[in-house]
Amino acid sequence: AAAVLLVAPCTLLFVANVQEPYMDEIFHIPQAQRYCRGDLAAWDPKITTLPGLYYAALALLPALSATARAAEATLRVIGAAAPPPLPAPPALAEHTGLWGPQFECSARELRLMNAMLAVPTAAAAHRILEHVHGPAPADERWRLPMRVAVVILFPVQYFFFFLFYTDAVGTLMVLLTYERCLARNVWAASIFGAAAIMCRQTNAVWVVFCGGG
């Protein structure tokens, strides 16, 4: 609930006002749309990260589509109608894609993925704090949600909840790796660690850190 309250207002502002791909989105959005149409062999040589971000988008596309519709309905209710979705390139727009014609794989839907990931990121941070500090006394339970809010609002992280970048999904995978290491669940930690590296290869440093701990 805290993650939704912290992230949803700015997400709606982005959906309503940010129309053009921002910085590296000019590479990430078309690449994800190629995956959505089933062209998994296509690759933009300008992209230097591994394809974990695009696989995550492909897996979450039905949820992203539903979230996009909910966001647009919310904007209509508050009197700030969302503009039309950013169009896909012509070669992509004509293809029904892996999920069929009902899922557009539009830039708006792809951007919403990182906003959705704020919720499991908050949950992972909550579990890590419980592992590290132990259960809070009954009269200090408010401290834990406040610490989670600080993690979500960390400026380097918060900004990327609204853009289709590797930061949010990569950070989530690292946090899940660390949480499973603290829980002594080696197999799950290994899976999340591999996913973290697939999202961003520099996460290998953090995976080694988690394994060494």
C-alpha atoms as a PDB file:
ATOM      1  CA  ALA A   1       0.000   0.000   0.000  1.00  0.00           C
ATOM      2  CA  ALA A   2       2.830   2.413   0.834  1.00  0.00           C
ATOM      3  CA  ALA A   3       4.552   1.689  -2.475  1.00  0.00           C
ATOM      4  CA  VAL A   4       1.348   2.345  -4.409  1.00  0.00           C
ATOM      5  CA  LEU A   5       0.736   5.636  -2.599  1.00  0.00           C
ATOM      6  CA  LEU A   6       4.308   6.789  -3.192  1.00  0.00           C
ATOM      7  CA  VAL A   7       4.566   5.780  -6.847  1.00  0.00           C
ATOM      8  CA  ALA A   8       1.047   6.059  -8.301  1.00  0.00           C
ATOM      9  CA  PRO A   9       0.726   9.899  -8.405  1.00  0.00           C
ATOM     10  CA  CYS A  10       3.941  10.423 -10.370  1.00  0.00           C
ATOM     11  CA  THR A  11       3.098   7.442 -12.578  1.00  0.00           C
ATOM     12  CA  LEU A  12      -0.167   9.102 -13.570  1.00  0.00           C
ATOM     13  CA  LEU A  13       1.685  12.336 -14.326  1.00  0.00           C
ATOM     14  CA  PHE A  14       4.091  10.465 -16.589  1.00  0.00           C
ATOM     15  CA  VAL A  15       1.289   8.620 -18.354  1.00  0.00           C
ATOM     16  CA  ALA A  16      -0.504  11.903 -19.001  1.00  0.00           C
ATOM     17  CA  ASN A  17       2.407  14.118 -20.018  1.00  0.00           C
ATOM     18  CA  VAL A  18       5.590  12.323 -21.101  1.00  0.00           C
ATOM     19  CA  GLN A  19       5.043  11.392 -24.727  1.00  0.00           C
ATOM     20  CA  GLU A  20       8.444  10.901 -26.305  1.00  0.00           C
ATOM     21  CA  PRO A  21      10.939   8.150 -25.387  1.00  0.00           C
ATOM     22  CA  TYR A  22      13.404   9.559 -22.872  1.00  0.00           C
ATOM     23  CA  MET A  23      17.147   8.973 -23.281  1.00  0.00           C
ATOM     24  CA  ASP A  24      17.837   5.219 -23.465  1.00  0.00           C
ATOM     25  CA  GLU A  25      14.161   4.433 -24.007  1.00  0.00           C
ATOM     26  CA  ILE A  26      14.775   5.062 -27.698  1.00  0.00           C
ATOM     27  CA  PHE A  27      16.647   1.732 -27.655  1.00  0.00           C
ATOM     28  CA  HIS A  28      14.782  -0.234 -24.964  1.00  0.00           C
ATOM     29  CA  ILE A  29      11.197   0.337 -26.151  1.00  0.00           C
ATOM     30  CA  PRO A  30      11.677  -0.788 -29.788  1.00  0.00           C
ATOM     31  CA  GLN A  31      13.695  -3.802 -28.618  1.00  0.00           C
ATOM     32  CA  ALA A  32      10.949  -4.891 -26.223  1.00  0.00           C
ATOM     33  CA  GLN A  33       8.366  -4.435 -28.977  1.00  0.00           C
ATOM     34  CA  ARG A  34      10.376  -6.754 -31.226  1.00  0.00           C
ATOM     35  CA  TYR A  35      10.210  -9.383 -28.492  1.00  0.00           C
ATOM     36  CA  CYS A  36       6.478  -8.812 -28.100  1.00  0.00           C
ATOM     37  CA  ARG A  37       5.901  -9.615 -31.761  1.00  0.00           C
ATOM     38  CA  GLY A  38       7.859 -12.859 -31.354  1.00  0.00           C
ATOM     39  CA  ASP A  39      11.090 -11.753 -33.022  1.00  0.00           C
ATOM     40  CA  LEU A  40      13.388 -13.009 -30.253  1.00  0.00           C
ATOM     41  CA  ALA A  41      16.404 -13.220 -32.571  1.00  0.00           C
ATOM     42  CA  ALA A  42      16.409  -9.478 -33.359  1.00  0.00           C
ATOM     43  CA  TRP A  43      18.864  -7.353 -31.397  1.00  0.00           C
ATOM     44  CA  ASP A  44      19.879  -3.700 -31.516  1.00  0.00           C
ATOM     45  CA  PRO A  45      23.714  -3.630 -31.374  1.00  0.00           C
ATOM     46  CA  LYS A  46      23.585  -0.273 -29.578  1.00  0.00           C
ATOM     47  CA  ILE A  47      22.133  -1.993 -26.491  1.00  0.00           C
ATOM     48  CA  THR A  48      24.833  -3.030 -24.022  1.00  0.00           C
ATOM     49  CA  THR A  49      22.689  -4.842 -21.442  1.00  0.00           C
ATOM     50  CA  LEU A  50      21.444  -8.424 -21.442  1.00  0.00           C
ATOM     51  CA  PRO A  51      17.792  -9.054 -22.428  1.00  0.00           C
ATOM     52  CA  GLY A  52      16.302  -9.671 -18.975  1.00  0.00           C
ATOM     53  CA  LEU A  53      14.300  -6.437 -19.104  1.00  0.00           C
ATOM     54  CA  TYR A  54      12.571  -7.495 -22.328  1.00  0.00           C
ATOM     55  CA  TYR A  55      11.790 -11.010 -21.097  1.00  0.00           C
ATOM     56  CA  ALA A  56      10.250  -9.485 -17.963  1.00  0.00           C
ATOM     57  CA  ALA A  57       8.125  -7.150 -20.076  1.00  0.00           C
ATOM     58  CA  LEU A  58       7.001 -10.034 -22.256  1.00  0.00           C
ATOM     59  CA  ALA A  59       5.983 -12.098 -19.230  1.00  0.00           C
ATOM     60  CA  LEU A  60       4.149  -9.207 -17.565  1.00  0.00           C
ATOM     61  CA  LEU A  61       2.451  -7.793 -20.666  1.00  0.00           C
ATOM     62  CA  PRO A  62      -1.122  -8.887 -19.789  1.00  0.00           C
ATOM     63  CA  ALA A  63      -0.784  -7.263 -16.352  1.00  0.00           C
ATOM     64  CA  LEU A  64       0.772  -4.174 -17.947  1.00  0.00           C
ATOM     65  CA  SER A  65      -2.133  -3.856 -20.362  1.00  0.00           C
ATOM     66  CA  ALA A  66      -4.662  -4.065 -17.521  1.00  0.00           C
ATOM     67  CA  THR A  67      -2.698  -1.506 -15.490  1.00  0.00           C
ATOM     68  CA  ALA A  68      -2.539   0.860 -18.469  1.00  0.00           C
ATOM     69  CA  ARG A  69      -6.331   0.708 -18.841  1.00  0.00           C
ATOM     70  CA  ALA A  70      -6.768   1.349 -15.111  1.00  0.00           C
ATOM     71  CA  ALA A  71      -4.398   4.336 -15.266  1.00  0.00           C
ATOM     72  CA  GLU A  72      -6.251   5.848 -18.212  1.00  0.00           C
ATOM     73  CA  ALA A  73      -9.606   5.342 -16.456  1.00  0.00           C
ATOM     74  CA  THR A  74      -8.230   7.084 -13.362  1.00  0.00           C
ATOM     75  CA  LEU A  75      -7.059  10.033 -15.444  1.00  0.00           C
ATOM     76  CA  ARG A  76     -10.496  10.358 -17.007  1.00  0.00           C
ATOM     77  CA  VAL A  77     -12.140  10.321 -13.571  1.00  0.00           C
ATOM     78  CA  ILE A  78      -9.916  13.129 -12.272  1.00  0.00           C
ATOM     79  CA  GLY A  79     -10.415  15.111 -15.465  1.00  0.00           C
ATOM     80  CA  ALA A  80      -6.965  14.631 -16.980  1.00  0.00           C
ATOM     81  CA  ALA A  81      -7.631  12.426 -19.963  1.00  0.00           C
ATOM     82  CA  ALA A  82      -4.582  10.539 -21.127  1.00  0.00           C
ATOM     83  CA  PRO A  83      -3.398  11.142 -24.695  1.00  0.00           C
ATOM     84  CA  PRO A  84      -3.411   8.293 -27.224  1.00  0.00           C
ATOM     85  CA  PRO A  85      -0.777   5.600 -26.612  1.00  0.00           C
ATOM     86  CA  LEU A  86       2.600   6.146 -28.194  1.00  0.00           C
ATOM     87  CA  PRO A  87       2.476   4.308 -31.544  1.00  0.00           C
ATOM     88  CA  ALA A  88       4.612   1.296 -32.255  1.00  0.00           C
ATOM     89  CA  PRO A  89       6.821   1.353 -35.356  1.00  0.00           C
ATOM     90  CA  PRO A  90       4.808   0.373 -38.488  1.00  0.00           C
ATOM     91  CA  ALA A  91       6.495  -3.014 -38.778  1.00  0.00           C
ATOM     92  CA  LEU A  92       5.386  -3.816 -35.219  1.00  0.00           C
ATOM     93  CA  ALA A  93       1.930  -2.280 -35.283  1.00  0.00           C
ATOM     94  CA  GLU A  94       0.724  -4.699 -37.954  1.00  0.00           C
ATOM     95  CA  HIS A  95       1.801  -7.787 -36.010  1.00  0.00           C
ATOM     96  CA  THR A  96      -0.503  -9.337 -33.440  1.00  0.00           C
ATOM     97  CA  GLY A  97       2.407 -10.459 -31.255  1.00  0.00           C
ATOM     98  CA  LEU A  98       2.914 -13.412 -28.950  1.00  0.00           C
ATOM     99  CA  TRP A  99      -0.014 -12.437 -26.735  1.00  0.00           C
ATOM    100  CA  GLY A 100      -2.429 -11.714 -29.585  1.00  0.00           C
ATOM    101  CA  PRO A 101      -3.941  -8.447 -30.848  1.00  0.00           C
ATOM    102  CA  GLN A 102      -5.520  -7.457 -27.511  1.00  0.00           C
ATOM    103  CA  PHE A 103      -2.120  -6.507 -26.035  1.00  0.00           C
ATOM    104  CA  GLU A 104      -0.462  -3.565 -27.750  1.00  0.00           C
ATOM    105  CA  CYS A 105       2.991  -3.690 -26.131  1.00  0.00           C
ATOM    106  CA  SER A 106       2.885   0.101 -26.365  1.00  0.00           C
ATOM    107  CA  ALA A 107       5.460   2.403 -24.819  1.00  0.00           C
ATOM    108  CA  ARG A 108       2.921   3.349 -22.152  1.00  0.00           C
ATOM    109  CA  GLU A 109       2.385  -0.252 -21.129  1.00  0.00           C
ATOM    110  CA  LEU A 110       6.115  -0.934 -21.050  1.00  0.00           C
ATOM    111  CA  ARG A 111       6.766   2.094 -18.850  1.00  0.00           C
ATOM    112  CA  LEU A 112       4.154   0.917 -16.370  1.00  0.00           C
ATOM    113  CA  MET A 113       6.142  -2.255 -15.734  1.00  0.00           C
ATOM    114  CA  ASN A 114       8.670  -0.503 -13.526  1.00  0.00           C
ATOM    115  CA  ALA A 115       5.904   1.304 -11.646  1.00  0.00           C
ATOM    116  CA  MET A 116       4.301  -2.070 -10.896  1.00  0.00           C
ATOM    117  CA  LEU A 117       7.636  -3.407  -9.667  1.00  0.00           C
ATOM    118  CA  ALA A 118       7.628  -0.840  -6.848  1.00  0.00           C
ATOM    119  CA  VAL A 119       5.310  -3.162  -4.901  1.00  0.00           C
ATOM    120  CA  PRO A 120       7.538  -6.291  -4.871  1.00  0.00           C
ATOM    121  CA  THR A 121      10.551  -4.004  -4.329  1.00  0.00           C
ATOM    122  CA  ALA A 122       8.917  -2.676  -1.174  1.00  0.00           C
ATOM    123  CA  ALA A 123       8.071  -6.214  -0.066  1.00  0.00           C
ATOM    124  CA  ALA A 124      11.660  -7.383  -0.623  1.00  0.00           C
ATOM    125  CA  ALA A 125      13.046  -4.398   1.302  1.00  0.00           C
ATOM    126  CA  HIS A 126      10.602  -5.143   4.136  1.00  0.00           C
ATOM    127  CA  ARG A 127      11.769  -8.754   4.375  1.00  0.00           C
ATOM    128  CA  ILE A 128      15.456  -7.773   4.296  1.00  0.00           C
ATOM    129  CA  LEU A 129      14.953  -5.288   7.137  1.00  0.00           C
ATOM    130  CA  GLU A 130      13.202  -7.983   9.156  1.00  0.00           C
ATOM    131  CA  HIS A 131      16.107 -10.372   8.566  1.00  0.00           C
ATOM    132  CA  VAL A 132      18.717  -7.774   9.511  1.00  0.00           C
ATOM    133  CA  HIS A 133      17.034  -6.040  12.462  1.00  0.00           C
ATOM    134  CA  GLY A 134      14.613  -8.683  13.683  1.00  0.00           C
ATOM    135  CA  PRO A 135      10.947  -8.120  14.561  1.00  0.00           C
ATOM    136  CA  ALA A 136      10.219  -4.616  15.787  1.00  0.00           C
ATOM    137  CA  PRO A 137       8.675  -4.111  19.237  1.00  0.00           C
ATOM    138  CA  ALA A 138       4.941  -3.519  19.195  1.00  0.00           C
ATOM    139  CA  ASP A 139       5.351   0.181  20.004  1.00  0.00           C
ATOM    140  CA  GLU A 140       7.876   0.719  17.195  1.00  0.00           C
ATOM    141  CA  ARG A 141       6.274  -1.145  14.301  1.00  0.00           C
ATOM    142  CA  TRP A 142       5.790   2.133  12.457  1.00  0.00           C
ATOM    143  CA  ARG A 143       9.565   2.339  11.951  1.00  0.00           C
ATOM    144  CA  LEU A 144       9.724  -0.545   9.481  1.00  0.00           C
ATOM    145  CA  PRO A 145       7.238   0.903   6.950  1.00  0.00           C
ATOM    146  CA  MET A 146       9.037   4.231   7.201  1.00  0.00           C
ATOM    147  CA  ARG A 147      12.351   2.559   6.369  1.00  0.00           C
ATOM    148  CA  VAL A 148      10.740   0.828   3.398  1.00  0.00           C
ATOM    149  CA  ALA A 149       9.418   4.203   2.229  1.00  0.00           C
ATOM    150  CA  VAL A 150      12.957   5.599   2.392  1.00  0.00           C
ATOM    151  CA  VAL A 151      14.144   2.750   0.144  1.00  0.00           C
ATOM    152  CA  ILE A 152      11.355   3.382  -2.375  1.00  0.00           C
ATOM    153  CA  LEU A 153      11.992   7.153  -2.371  1.00  0.00           C
ATOM    154  CA  PHE A 154      15.745   6.837  -2.793  1.00  0.00           C
ATOM    155  CA  PRO A 155      16.236   9.364  -5.630  1.00  0.00           C
ATOM    156  CA  VAL A 156      18.452   7.188  -7.828  1.00  0.00           C
ATOM    157  CA  GLN A 157      15.797   4.461  -7.660  1.00  0.00           C
ATOM    158  CA  TYR A 158      12.551   6.452  -7.543  1.00  0.00           C
ATOM    159  CA  PHE A 159      13.020   8.246 -10.857  1.00  0.00           C
ATOM    160  CA  PHE A 160      13.328   4.984 -12.772  1.00  0.00           C
ATOM    161  CA  PHE A 161       9.987   3.610 -11.615  1.00  0.00           C
ATOM    162  CA  PHE A 162       8.440   5.763 -14.351  1.00  0.00           C
ATOM    163  CA  LEU A 163      10.651   4.880 -17.315  1.00  0.00           C
ATOM    164  CA  PHE A 164      11.337   1.682 -19.242  1.00  0.00           C
ATOM    165  CA  TYR A 165      14.890   1.186 -18.005  1.00  0.00           C
ATOM    166  CA  THR A 166      16.770  -1.739 -16.490  1.00  0.00           C
ATOM    167  CA  ASP A 167      17.212  -0.088 -13.081  1.00  0.00           C
ATOM    168  CA  ALA A 168      13.976  -1.060 -11.326  1.00  0.00           C
ATOM    169  CA  VAL A 169      13.826  -4.704 -12.419  1.00  0.00           C
ATOM    170  CA  GLY A 170      17.569  -5.169 -11.877  1.00  0.00           C
ATOM    171  CA  THR A 171      17.398  -3.708  -8.364  1.00  0.00           C
ATOM    172  CA  LEU A 172      14.425  -5.907  -7.514  1.00  0.00           C
ATOM    173  CA  MET A 173      16.296  -9.036  -8.593  1.00  0.00           C
ATOM    174  CA  VAL A 174      19.326  -8.030  -6.494  1.00  0.00           C
ATOM    175  CA  LEU A 175      17.122  -7.421  -3.433  1.00  0.00           C
ATOM    176  CA  LEU A 176      15.415 -10.786  -3.907  1.00  0.00           C
ATOM    177  CA  THR A 177      18.820 -12.447  -4.211  1.00  0.00           C
ATOM    178  CA  TYR A 178      19.967 -10.850  -0.965  1.00  0.00           C
ATOM    179  CA  GLU A 179      16.721 -11.680   0.839  1.00  0.00           C
ATOM    180  CA  ARG A 180      16.948 -15.343  -0.154  1.00  0.00           C
ATOM    181  CA  CYS A 181      20.598 -15.435   0.909  1.00  0.00           C
ATOM    182  CA  LEU A 182      19.610 -14.099   4.330  1.00  0.00           C
ATOM    183  CA  ALA A 183      16.901 -16.773   4.458  1.00  0.00           C
ATOM    184  CA  ARG A 184      19.548 -19.425   3.556  1.00  0.00           C
ATOM    185  CA  ASN A 185      17.588 -20.481   0.490  1.00  0.00           C
ATOM    186  CA  VAL A 186      20.511 -21.118  -1.842  1.00  0.00           C
ATOM    187  CA  TRP A 187      18.591 -22.349  -4.876  1.00  0.00           C
ATOM    188  CA  ALA A 188      16.152 -19.438  -4.957  1.00  0.00           C
ATOM    189  CA  ALA A 189      19.013 -17.006  -4.381  1.00  0.00           C
ATOM    190  CA  SER A 190      20.863 -18.523  -7.330  1.00  0.00           C
ATOM    191  CA  ILE A 191      17.847 -18.145  -9.614  1.00  0.00           C
ATOM    192  CA  PHE A 192      17.275 -14.536  -8.618  1.00  0.00           C
ATOM    193  CA  GLY A 193      21.013 -13.848  -8.914  1.00  0.00           C
ATOM    194  CA  ALA A 194      21.055 -15.162 -12.474  1.00  0.00           C
ATOM    195  CA  ALA A 195      17.977 -13.052 -13.259  1.00  0.00           C
ATOM    196  CA  ALA A 196      19.697  -9.984 -11.773  1.00  0.00           C
ATOM    197  CA  ILE A 197      22.665 -10.450 -14.103  1.00  0.00           C
ATOM    198  CA  MET A 198      20.337 -11.011 -17.070  1.00  0.00           C
ATOM    199  CA  CYS A 199      18.703  -7.656 -16.329  1.00  0.00           C
ATOM    200  CA  ARG A 200      22.003  -5.821 -15.939  1.00  0.00           C
ATOM    201  CA  GLN A 201      25.386  -7.505 -16.144  1.00  0.00           C
ATOM    202  CA  THR A 202      27.011  -5.153 -13.621  1.00  0.00           C
ATOM    203  CA  ASN A 203      24.722  -6.746 -11.017  1.00  0.00           C
ATOM    204  CA  ALA A 204      27.278  -9.571 -10.973  1.00  0.00           C
ATOM    205  CA  VAL A 205      29.150  -7.499  -8.380  1.00  0.00           C
ATOM    206  CA  TRP A 206      26.151  -7.552  -6.043  1.00  0.00           C
ATOM    207  CA  VAL A 207      25.459 -11.223  -6.660  1.00  0.00           C
ATOM    208  CA  VAL A 208      29.031 -12.049  -5.633  1.00  0.00           C
ATOM    209  CA  PHE A 209      28.569  -9.824  -2.576  1.00  0.00           C
ATOM    210  CA  CYS A 210      25.405 -11.724  -1.622  1.00  0.00           C
ATOM    211  CA  GLY A 211      27.086 -15.083  -2.149  1.00  0.00           C
ATOM    212  CA  GLY A 212      30.078 -14.063  -0.067  1.00  0.00           C
ATOM    213  CA  GLY A 213      27.850 -13.027   2.806  1.00  0.00           C
END
